[in-house]
């Protein structure tokens, strides 16, 4: 809804890596949590 805000990195490679990190955070790190 707000592409101008830049919530994800603009560069496609960085954006893909950022999405990967977010996905792992969403489902992982059970012991720490």
ModelCIF file with pLDDT and N, C-alpha, C, O atoms, coordinates in Angstrom:
data_MODEL
#
_entry.id   MODEL 
#
_entity.id                         1 
_entity.type                       polymer 
_entity.pdbx_number_of_molecules   1 
#
_entity_poly.entity_id                      1 
_entity_poly.type                           'polypeptide(L)' 
_entity_poly.nstd_linkage                   no 
_entity_poly.nstd_monomer                   no 
_entity_poly.pdbx_seq_one_letter_code       
;(UNK)(UNK)(UNK)(UNK)(UNK)(UNK)(UNK)(UNK)(UNK)(UNK)(UNK)(UNK)(UNK)(UNK)(UNK)(UNK)
(UNK)(UNK)(UNK)(UNK)(UNK)(UNK)(UNK)(UNK)(UNK)(UNK)(UNK)(UNK)(UNK)(UNK)(UNK)(UNK)
(UNK)
;
_entity_poly.pdbx_seq_one_letter_code_can   XXXXXXXXXXXXXXXXXXXXXXXXXXXXXXXXX 
_entity_poly.pdbx_strand_id                 A 
#
loop_
_entity_poly_seq.entity_id 
_entity_poly_seq.num 
_entity_poly_seq.mon_id 
_entity_poly_seq.hetero 
1 1  UNK n 
1 2  UNK n 
1 3  UNK n 
1 4  UNK n 
1 5  UNK n 
1 6  UNK n 
1 7  UNK n 
1 8  UNK n 
1 9  UNK n 
1 10 UNK n 
1 11 UNK n 
1 12 UNK n 
1 13 UNK n 
1 14 UNK n 
1 15 UNK n 
1 16 UNK n 
1 17 UNK n 
1 18 UNK n 
1 19 UNK n 
1 20 UNK n 
1 21 UNK n 
1 22 UNK n 
1 23 UNK n 
1 24 UNK n 
1 25 UNK n 
1 26 UNK n 
1 27 UNK n 
1 28 UNK n 
1 29 UNK n 
1 30 UNK n 
1 31 UNK n 
1 32 UNK n 
1 33 UNK n 
#
_struct_asym.id          A 
_struct_asym.entity_id   1 
#
loop_
_ma_qa_metric.id 
_ma_qa_metric.mode 
_ma_qa_metric.name 
_ma_qa_metric.software_group_id 
_ma_qa_metric.type 
1 global pLDDT . pLDDT 
2 local  pLDDT . pLDDT 
#
_ma_qa_metric_global.metric_id      1 
_ma_qa_metric_global.metric_value   96.67 
_ma_qa_metric_global.model_id       1 
_ma_qa_metric_global.ordinal_id     1 
#
loop_
_ma_qa_metric_local.label_asym_id 
_ma_qa_metric_local.label_comp_id 
_ma_qa_metric_local.label_seq_id 
_ma_qa_metric_local.metric_id 
_ma_qa_metric_local.metric_value 
_ma_qa_metric_local.model_id 
_ma_qa_metric_local.ordinal_id 
A UNK 1  2 98.00 1 1  
A UNK 2  2 98.00 1 2  
A UNK 3  2 97.00 1 3  
A UNK 4  2 96.00 1 4  
A UNK 5  2 97.00 1 5  
A UNK 6  2 97.00 1 6  
A UNK 7  2 98.00 1 7  
A UNK 8  2 98.00 1 8  
A UNK 9  2 97.00 1 9  
A UNK 10 2 96.00 1 10 
A UNK 11 2 96.00 1 11 
A UNK 12 2 97.00 1 12 
A UNK 13 2 97.00 1 13 
A UNK 14 2 97.00 1 14 
A UNK 15 2 97.00 1 15 
A UNK 16 2 98.00 1 16 
A UNK 17 2 98.00 1 17 
A UNK 18 2 98.00 1 18 
A UNK 19 2 98.00 1 19 
A UNK 20 2 98.00 1 20 
A UNK 21 2 98.00 1 21 
A UNK 22 2 98.00 1 22 
A UNK 23 2 97.00 1 23 
A UNK 24 2 97.00 1 24 
A UNK 25 2 96.00 1 25 
A UNK 26 2 94.00 1 26 
A UNK 27 2 93.00 1 27 
A UNK 28 2 94.00 1 28 
A UNK 29 2 96.00 1 29 
A UNK 30 2 95.00 1 30 
A UNK 31 2 97.00 1 31 
A UNK 32 2 96.00 1 32 
A UNK 33 2 93.00 1 33 
#
loop_
_atom_site.group_PDB 
_atom_site.id 
_atom_site.type_symbol 
_atom_site.label_atom_id 
_atom_site.label_alt_id 
_atom_site.label_comp_id 
_atom_site.label_asym_id 
_atom_site.label_entity_id 
_atom_site.label_seq_id 
_atom_site.pdbx_PDB_ins_code 
_atom_site.Cartn_x 
_atom_site.Cartn_y 
_atom_site.Cartn_z 
_atom_site.occupancy 
_atom_site.B_iso_or_equiv 
_atom_site.pdbx_formal_charge 
_atom_site.auth_seq_id 
_atom_site.auth_comp_id 
_atom_site.auth_asym_id 
_atom_site.auth_atom_id 
_atom_site.pdbx_PDB_model_num 
ATOM 1   N N  . UNK A 1 1  ? 0.807  -1.214  0.000  1.00 98.00 ? 1  UNK A N  1 
ATOM 2   C CA . UNK A 1 1  ? 0.000  0.000   0.000  1.00 98.00 ? 1  UNK A CA 1 
ATOM 3   C C  . UNK A 1 1  ? 0.848  1.276   0.000  1.00 98.00 ? 1  UNK A C  1 
ATOM 4   O O  . UNK A 1 1  ? 0.376  2.338   -0.405 1.00 98.00 ? 1  UNK A O  1 
ATOM 5   N N  . UNK A 1 2  ? 2.101  1.168   0.455  1.00 98.00 ? 2  UNK A N  1 
ATOM 6   C CA . UNK A 1 2  ? 2.952  2.348   0.577  1.00 98.00 ? 2  UNK A CA 1 
ATOM 7   C C  . UNK A 1 2  ? 4.329  2.078   -0.063 1.00 98.00 ? 2  UNK A C  1 
ATOM 8   O O  . UNK A 1 2  ? 5.345  2.091   0.632  1.00 98.00 ? 2  UNK A O  1 
ATOM 9   N N  . UNK A 1 3  ? 4.361  1.834   -1.381 1.00 97.00 ? 3  UNK A N  1 
ATOM 10  C CA . UNK A 1 3  ? 5.636  1.526   -2.034 1.00 97.00 ? 3  UNK A CA 1 
ATOM 11  C C  . UNK A 1 3  ? 6.650  2.658   -1.927 1.00 97.00 ? 3  UNK A C  1 
ATOM 12  O O  . UNK A 1 3  ? 7.858  2.426   -1.951 1.00 97.00 ? 3  UNK A O  1 
ATOM 13  N N  . UNK A 1 4  ? 6.147  3.886   -1.810 1.00 96.00 ? 4  UNK A N  1 
ATOM 14  C CA . UNK A 1 4  ? 7.047  5.030   -1.719 1.00 96.00 ? 4  UNK A CA 1 
ATOM 15  C C  . UNK A 1 4  ? 7.791  5.078   -0.388 1.00 96.00 ? 4  UNK A C  1 
ATOM 16  O O  . UNK A 1 4  ? 8.812  5.756   -0.281 1.00 96.00 ? 4  UNK A O  1 
ATOM 17  N N  . UNK A 1 5  ? 7.297  4.373   0.624  1.00 97.00 ? 5  UNK A N  1 
ATOM 18  C CA . UNK A 1 5  ? 7.904  4.406   1.957  1.00 97.00 ? 5  UNK A CA 1 
ATOM 19  C C  . UNK A 1 5  ? 9.180  3.582   2.035  1.00 97.00 ? 5  UNK A C  1 
ATOM 20  O O  . UNK A 1 5  ? 10.030 3.839   2.888  1.00 97.00 ? 5  UNK A O  1 
ATOM 21  N N  . UNK A 1 6  ? 9.326  2.593   1.155  1.00 97.00 ? 6  UNK A N  1 
ATOM 22  C CA . UNK A 1 6  ? 10.546 1.793   1.143  1.00 97.00 ? 6  UNK A CA 1 
ATOM 23  C C  . UNK A 1 6  ? 10.667 0.832   2.313  1.00 97.00 ? 6  UNK A C  1 
ATOM 24  O O  . UNK A 1 6  ? 11.726 0.751   2.937  1.00 97.00 ? 6  UNK A O  1 
ATOM 25  N N  . UNK A 1 7  ? 9.602  0.105   2.621  1.00 98.00 ? 7  UNK A N  1 
ATOM 26  C CA . UNK A 1 7  ? 9.656  -0.832  3.739  1.00 98.00 ? 7  UNK A CA 1 
ATOM 27  C C  . UNK A 1 7  ? 10.614 -1.981  3.470  1.00 98.00 ? 7  UNK A C  1 
ATOM 28  O O  . UNK A 1 7  ? 11.233 -2.502  4.398  1.00 98.00 ? 7  UNK A O  1 
ATOM 29  N N  . UNK A 1 8  ? 10.743 -2.381  2.210  1.00 98.00 ? 8  UNK A N  1 
ATOM 30  C CA . UNK A 1 8  ? 11.734 -3.380  1.802  1.00 98.00 ? 8  UNK A CA 1 
ATOM 31  C C  . UNK A 1 8  ? 12.889 -2.671  1.095  1.00 98.00 ? 8  UNK A C  1 
ATOM 32  O O  . UNK A 1 8  ? 12.697 -1.586  0.547  1.00 98.00 ? 8  UNK A O  1 
ATOM 33  N N  . UNK A 1 9  ? 14.094 -3.272  1.098  1.00 97.00 ? 9  UNK A N  1 
ATOM 34  C CA . UNK A 1 9  ? 15.188 -2.699  0.299  1.00 97.00 ? 9  UNK A CA 1 
ATOM 35  C C  . UNK A 1 9  ? 14.788 -2.608  -1.172 1.00 97.00 ? 9  UNK A C  1 
ATOM 36  O O  . UNK A 1 9  ? 14.068 -3.469  -1.677 1.00 97.00 ? 9  UNK A O  1 
ATOM 37  N N  . UNK A 1 10 ? 15.247 -1.582  -1.846 1.00 96.00 ? 10 UNK A N  1 
ATOM 38  C CA . UNK A 1 10 ? 14.892 -1.395  -3.258 1.00 96.00 ? 10 UNK A CA 1 
ATOM 39  C C  . UNK A 1 10 ? 15.591 -2.402  -4.161 1.00 96.00 ? 10 UNK A C  1 
ATOM 40  O O  . UNK A 1 10 ? 14.990 -2.888  -5.119 1.00 96.00 ? 10 UNK A O  1 
ATOM 41  N N  . UNK A 1 11 ? 16.846 -2.721  -3.877 1.00 96.00 ? 11 UNK A N  1 
ATOM 42  C CA . UNK A 1 11 ? 17.606 -3.652  -4.699 1.00 96.00 ? 11 UNK A CA 1 
ATOM 43  C C  . UNK A 1 11 ? 16.990 -5.056  -4.613 1.00 96.00 ? 11 UNK A C  1 
ATOM 44  O O  . UNK A 1 11 ? 16.764 -5.548  -3.507 1.00 96.00 ? 11 UNK A O  1 
ATOM 45  N N  . UNK A 1 12 ? 16.711 -5.721  -5.759 1.00 97.00 ? 12 UNK A N  1 
ATOM 46  C CA . UNK A 1 12 ? 16.039 -7.031  -5.734 1.00 97.00 ? 12 UNK A CA 1 
ATOM 47  C C  . UNK A 1 12 ? 16.798 -8.092  -4.941 1.00 97.00 ? 12 UNK A C  1 
ATOM 48  O O  . UNK A 1 12 ? 16.181 -8.894  -4.240 1.00 97.00 ? 12 UNK A O  1 
ATOM 49  N N  . UNK A 1 13 ? 18.123 -8.107  -5.041 1.00 97.00 ? 13 UNK A N  1 
ATOM 50  C CA . UNK A 1 13 ? 18.892 -9.108  -4.298 1.00 97.00 ? 13 UNK A CA 1 
ATOM 51  C C  . UNK A 1 13 ? 18.798 -8.872  -2.801 1.00 97.00 ? 13 UNK A C  1 
ATOM 52  O O  . UNK A 1 13 ? 18.638 -9.814  -2.026 1.00 97.00 ? 13 UNK A O  1 
ATOM 53  N N  . UNK A 1 14 ? 18.897 -7.611  -2.397 1.00 97.00 ? 14 UNK A N  1 
ATOM 54  C CA . UNK A 1 14 ? 18.774 -7.303  -0.974 1.00 97.00 ? 14 UNK A CA 1 
ATOM 55  C C  . UNK A 1 14 ? 17.343 -7.549  -0.491 1.00 97.00 ? 14 UNK A C  1 
ATOM 56  O O  . UNK A 1 14 ? 17.129 -8.011  0.630  1.00 97.00 ? 14 UNK A O  1 
ATOM 57  N N  . UNK A 1 15 ? 16.386 -7.242  -1.332 1.00 97.00 ? 15 UNK A N  1 
ATOM 58  C CA . UNK A 1 15 ? 14.987 -7.472  -0.949 1.00 97.00 ? 15 UNK A CA 1 
ATOM 59  C C  . UNK A 1 15 ? 14.720 -8.958  -0.743 1.00 97.00 ? 15 UNK A C  1 
ATOM 60  O O  . UNK A 1 15 ? 14.039 -9.349  0.205  1.00 97.00 ? 15 UNK A O  1 
ATOM 61  N N  . UNK A 1 16 ? 15.263 -9.786  -1.640 1.00 98.00 ? 16 UNK A N  1 
ATOM 62  C CA . UNK A 1 16 ? 15.099 -11.227 -1.488 1.00 98.00 ? 16 UNK A CA 1 
ATOM 63  C C  . UNK A 1 16 ? 15.740 -11.745 -0.210 1.00 98.00 ? 16 UNK A C  1 
ATOM 64  O O  . UNK A 1 16 ? 15.167 -12.586 0.481  1.00 98.00 ? 16 UNK A O  1 
ATOM 65  N N  . UNK A 1 17 ? 16.928 -11.243 0.102  1.00 98.00 ? 17 UNK A N  1 
ATOM 66  C CA . UNK A 1 17 ? 17.603 -11.660 1.330  1.00 98.00 ? 17 UNK A CA 1 
ATOM 67  C C  . UNK A 1 17 ? 16.832 -11.172 2.554  1.00 98.00 ? 17 UNK A C  1 
ATOM 68  O O  . UNK A 1 17 ? 16.697 -11.903 3.535  1.00 98.00 ? 17 UNK A O  1 
ATOM 69  N N  . UNK A 1 18 ? 16.330 -9.950  2.498  1.00 98.00 ? 18 UNK A N  1 
ATOM 70  C CA . UNK A 1 18 ? 15.553 -9.423  3.619  1.00 98.00 ? 18 UNK A CA 1 
ATOM 71  C C  . UNK A 1 18 ? 14.304 -10.260 3.853  1.00 98.00 ? 18 UNK A C  1 
ATOM 72  O O  . UNK A 1 18 ? 13.955 -10.542 4.999  1.00 98.00 ? 18 UNK A O  1 
ATOM 73  N N  . UNK A 1 19 ? 13.632 -10.659 2.788  1.00 98.00 ? 19 UNK A N  1 
ATOM 74  C CA . UNK A 1 19 ? 12.439 -11.499 2.940  1.00 98.00 ? 19 UNK A CA 1 
ATOM 75  C C  . UNK A 1 19 ? 12.808 -12.858 3.531  1.00 98.00 ? 19 UNK A C  1 
ATOM 76  O O  . UNK A 1 19 ? 12.053 -13.416 4.328  1.00 98.00 ? 19 UNK A O  1 
ATOM 77  N N  . UNK A 1 20 ? 13.963 -13.389 3.143  1.00 98.00 ? 20 UNK A N  1 
ATOM 78  C CA . UNK A 1 20 ? 14.423 -14.654 3.692  1.00 98.00 ? 20 UNK A CA 1 
ATOM 79  C C  . UNK A 1 20 ? 14.659 -14.544 5.194  1.00 98.00 ? 20 UNK A C  1 
ATOM 80  O O  . UNK A 1 20 ? 14.269 -15.428 5.957  1.00 98.00 ? 20 UNK A O  1 
ATOM 81  N N  . UNK A 1 21 ? 15.301 -13.454 5.613  1.00 98.00 ? 21 UNK A N  1 
ATOM 82  C CA . UNK A 1 21 ? 15.562 -13.254 7.036  1.00 98.00 ? 21 UNK A CA 1 
ATOM 83  C C  . UNK A 1 21 ? 14.258 -13.107 7.824  1.00 98.00 ? 21 UNK A C  1 
ATOM 84  O O  . UNK A 1 21 ? 14.128 -13.643 8.925  1.00 98.00 ? 21 UNK A O  1 
ATOM 85  N N  . UNK A 1 22 ? 13.310 -12.392 7.264  1.00 98.00 ? 22 UNK A N  1 
ATOM 86  C CA . UNK A 1 22 ? 12.030 -12.206 7.948  1.00 98.00 ? 22 UNK A CA 1 
ATOM 87  C C  . UNK A 1 22 ? 11.293 -13.534 8.079  1.00 98.00 ? 22 UNK A C  1 
ATOM 88  O O  . UNK A 1 22 ? 10.716 -13.827 9.126  1.00 98.00 ? 22 UNK A O  1 
ATOM 89  N N  . UNK A 1 23 ? 11.311 -14.340 7.008  1.00 97.00 ? 23 UNK A N  1 
ATOM 90  C CA . UNK A 1 23 ? 10.624 -15.636 7.049  1.00 97.00 ? 23 UNK A CA 1 
ATOM 91  C C  . UNK A 1 23 ? 11.235 -16.537 8.118  1.00 97.00 ? 23 UNK A C  1 
ATOM 92  O O  . UNK A 1 23 ? 10.506 -17.210 8.846  1.00 97.00 ? 23 UNK A O  1 
ATOM 93  N N  . UNK A 1 24 ? 12.562 -16.559 8.220  1.00 97.00 ? 24 UNK A N  1 
ATOM 94  C CA . UNK A 1 24 ? 13.193 -17.397 9.239  1.00 97.00 ? 24 UNK A CA 1 
ATOM 95  C C  . UNK A 1 24 ? 12.885 -16.886 10.643 1.00 97.00 ? 24 UNK A C  1 
ATOM 96  O O  . UNK A 1 24 ? 12.683 -17.679 11.562 1.00 97.00 ? 24 UNK A O  1 
ATOM 97  N N  . UNK A 1 25 ? 12.849 -15.578 10.810 1.00 96.00 ? 25 UNK A N  1 
ATOM 98  C CA . UNK A 1 25 ? 12.512 -15.029 12.123 1.00 96.00 ? 25 UNK A CA 1 
ATOM 99  C C  . UNK A 1 25 ? 11.092 -15.408 12.502 1.00 96.00 ? 25 UNK A C  1 
ATOM 100 O O  . UNK A 1 25 ? 10.803 -15.661 13.672 1.00 96.00 ? 25 UNK A O  1 
ATOM 101 N N  . UNK A 1 26 ? 10.219 -15.449 11.531 1.00 94.00 ? 26 UNK A N  1 
ATOM 102 C CA . UNK A 1 26 ? 8.808  -15.719 11.795 1.00 94.00 ? 26 UNK A CA 1 
ATOM 103 C C  . UNK A 1 26 ? 8.582  -17.131 12.302 1.00 94.00 ? 26 UNK A C  1 
ATOM 104 O O  . UNK A 1 26 ? 7.669  -17.361 13.096 1.00 94.00 ? 26 UNK A O  1 
ATOM 105 N N  . UNK A 1 27 ? 9.396  -18.083 11.859 1.00 93.00 ? 27 UNK A N  1 
ATOM 106 C CA . UNK A 1 27 ? 9.140  -19.486 12.203 1.00 93.00 ? 27 UNK A CA 1 
ATOM 107 C C  . UNK A 1 27 ? 10.232 -20.105 13.072 1.00 93.00 ? 27 UNK A C  1 
ATOM 108 O O  . UNK A 1 27 ? 10.046 -21.201 13.601 1.00 93.00 ? 27 UNK A O  1 
ATOM 109 N N  . UNK A 1 28 ? 11.363 -19.425 13.229 1.00 94.00 ? 28 UNK A N  1 
ATOM 110 C CA . UNK A 1 28 ? 12.499 -20.050 13.887 1.00 94.00 ? 28 UNK A CA 1 
ATOM 111 C C  . UNK A 1 28 ? 12.825 -19.489 15.257 1.00 94.00 ? 28 UNK A C  1 
ATOM 112 O O  . UNK A 1 28 ? 12.042 -18.751 15.854 1.00 94.00 ? 28 UNK A O  1 
ATOM 113 N N  . UNK A 1 29 ? 14.007 -19.861 15.739 1.00 96.00 ? 29 UNK A N  1 
ATOM 114 C CA . UNK A 1 29 ? 14.566 -19.364 16.996 1.00 96.00 ? 29 UNK A CA 1 
ATOM 115 C C  . UNK A 1 29 ? 13.691 -19.711 18.198 1.00 96.00 ? 29 UNK A C  1 
ATOM 116 O O  . UNK A 1 29 ? 13.462 -18.892 19.088 1.00 96.00 ? 29 UNK A O  1 
ATOM 117 N N  . UNK A 1 30 ? 13.211 -20.960 18.190 1.00 95.00 ? 30 UNK A N  1 
ATOM 118 C CA . UNK A 1 30 ? 12.303 -21.401 19.243 1.00 95.00 ? 30 UNK A CA 1 
ATOM 119 C C  . UNK A 1 30 ? 12.925 -21.402 20.627 1.00 95.00 ? 30 UNK A C  1 
ATOM 120 O O  . UNK A 1 30 ? 12.274 -21.024 21.601 1.00 95.00 ? 30 UNK A O  1 
ATOM 121 N N  . UNK A 1 31 ? 14.186 -21.827 20.724 1.00 97.00 ? 31 UNK A N  1 
ATOM 122 C CA . UNK A 1 31 ? 14.821 -21.877 22.043 1.00 97.00 ? 31 UNK A CA 1 
ATOM 123 C C  . UNK A 1 31 ? 14.962 -20.485 22.630 1.00 97.00 ? 31 UNK A C  1 
ATOM 124 O O  . UNK A 1 31 ? 14.686 -20.275 23.811 1.00 97.00 ? 31 UNK A O  1 
ATOM 125 N N  . UNK A 1 32 ? 15.390 -19.535 21.812 1.00 96.00 ? 32 UNK A N  1 
ATOM 126 C CA . UNK A 1 32 ? 15.566 -18.162 22.283 1.00 96.00 ? 32 UNK A CA 1 
ATOM 127 C C  . UNK A 1 32 ? 14.232 -17.572 22.720 1.00 96.00 ? 32 UNK A C  1 
ATOM 128 O O  . UNK A 1 32 ? 14.155 -16.893 23.744 1.00 96.00 ? 32 UNK A O  1 
ATOM 129 N N  . UNK A 1 33 ? 13.194 -17.828 21.955 1.00 93.00 ? 33 UNK A N  1 
ATOM 130 C CA . UNK A 1 33 ? 11.879 -17.299 22.307 1.00 93.00 ? 33 UNK A CA 1 
ATOM 131 C C  . UNK A 1 33 ? 11.350 -17.931 23.601 1.00 93.00 ? 33 UNK A C  1 
ATOM 132 O O  . UNK A 1 33 ? 10.252 -17.599 24.046 1.00 93.00 ? 33 UNK A O  1 
#
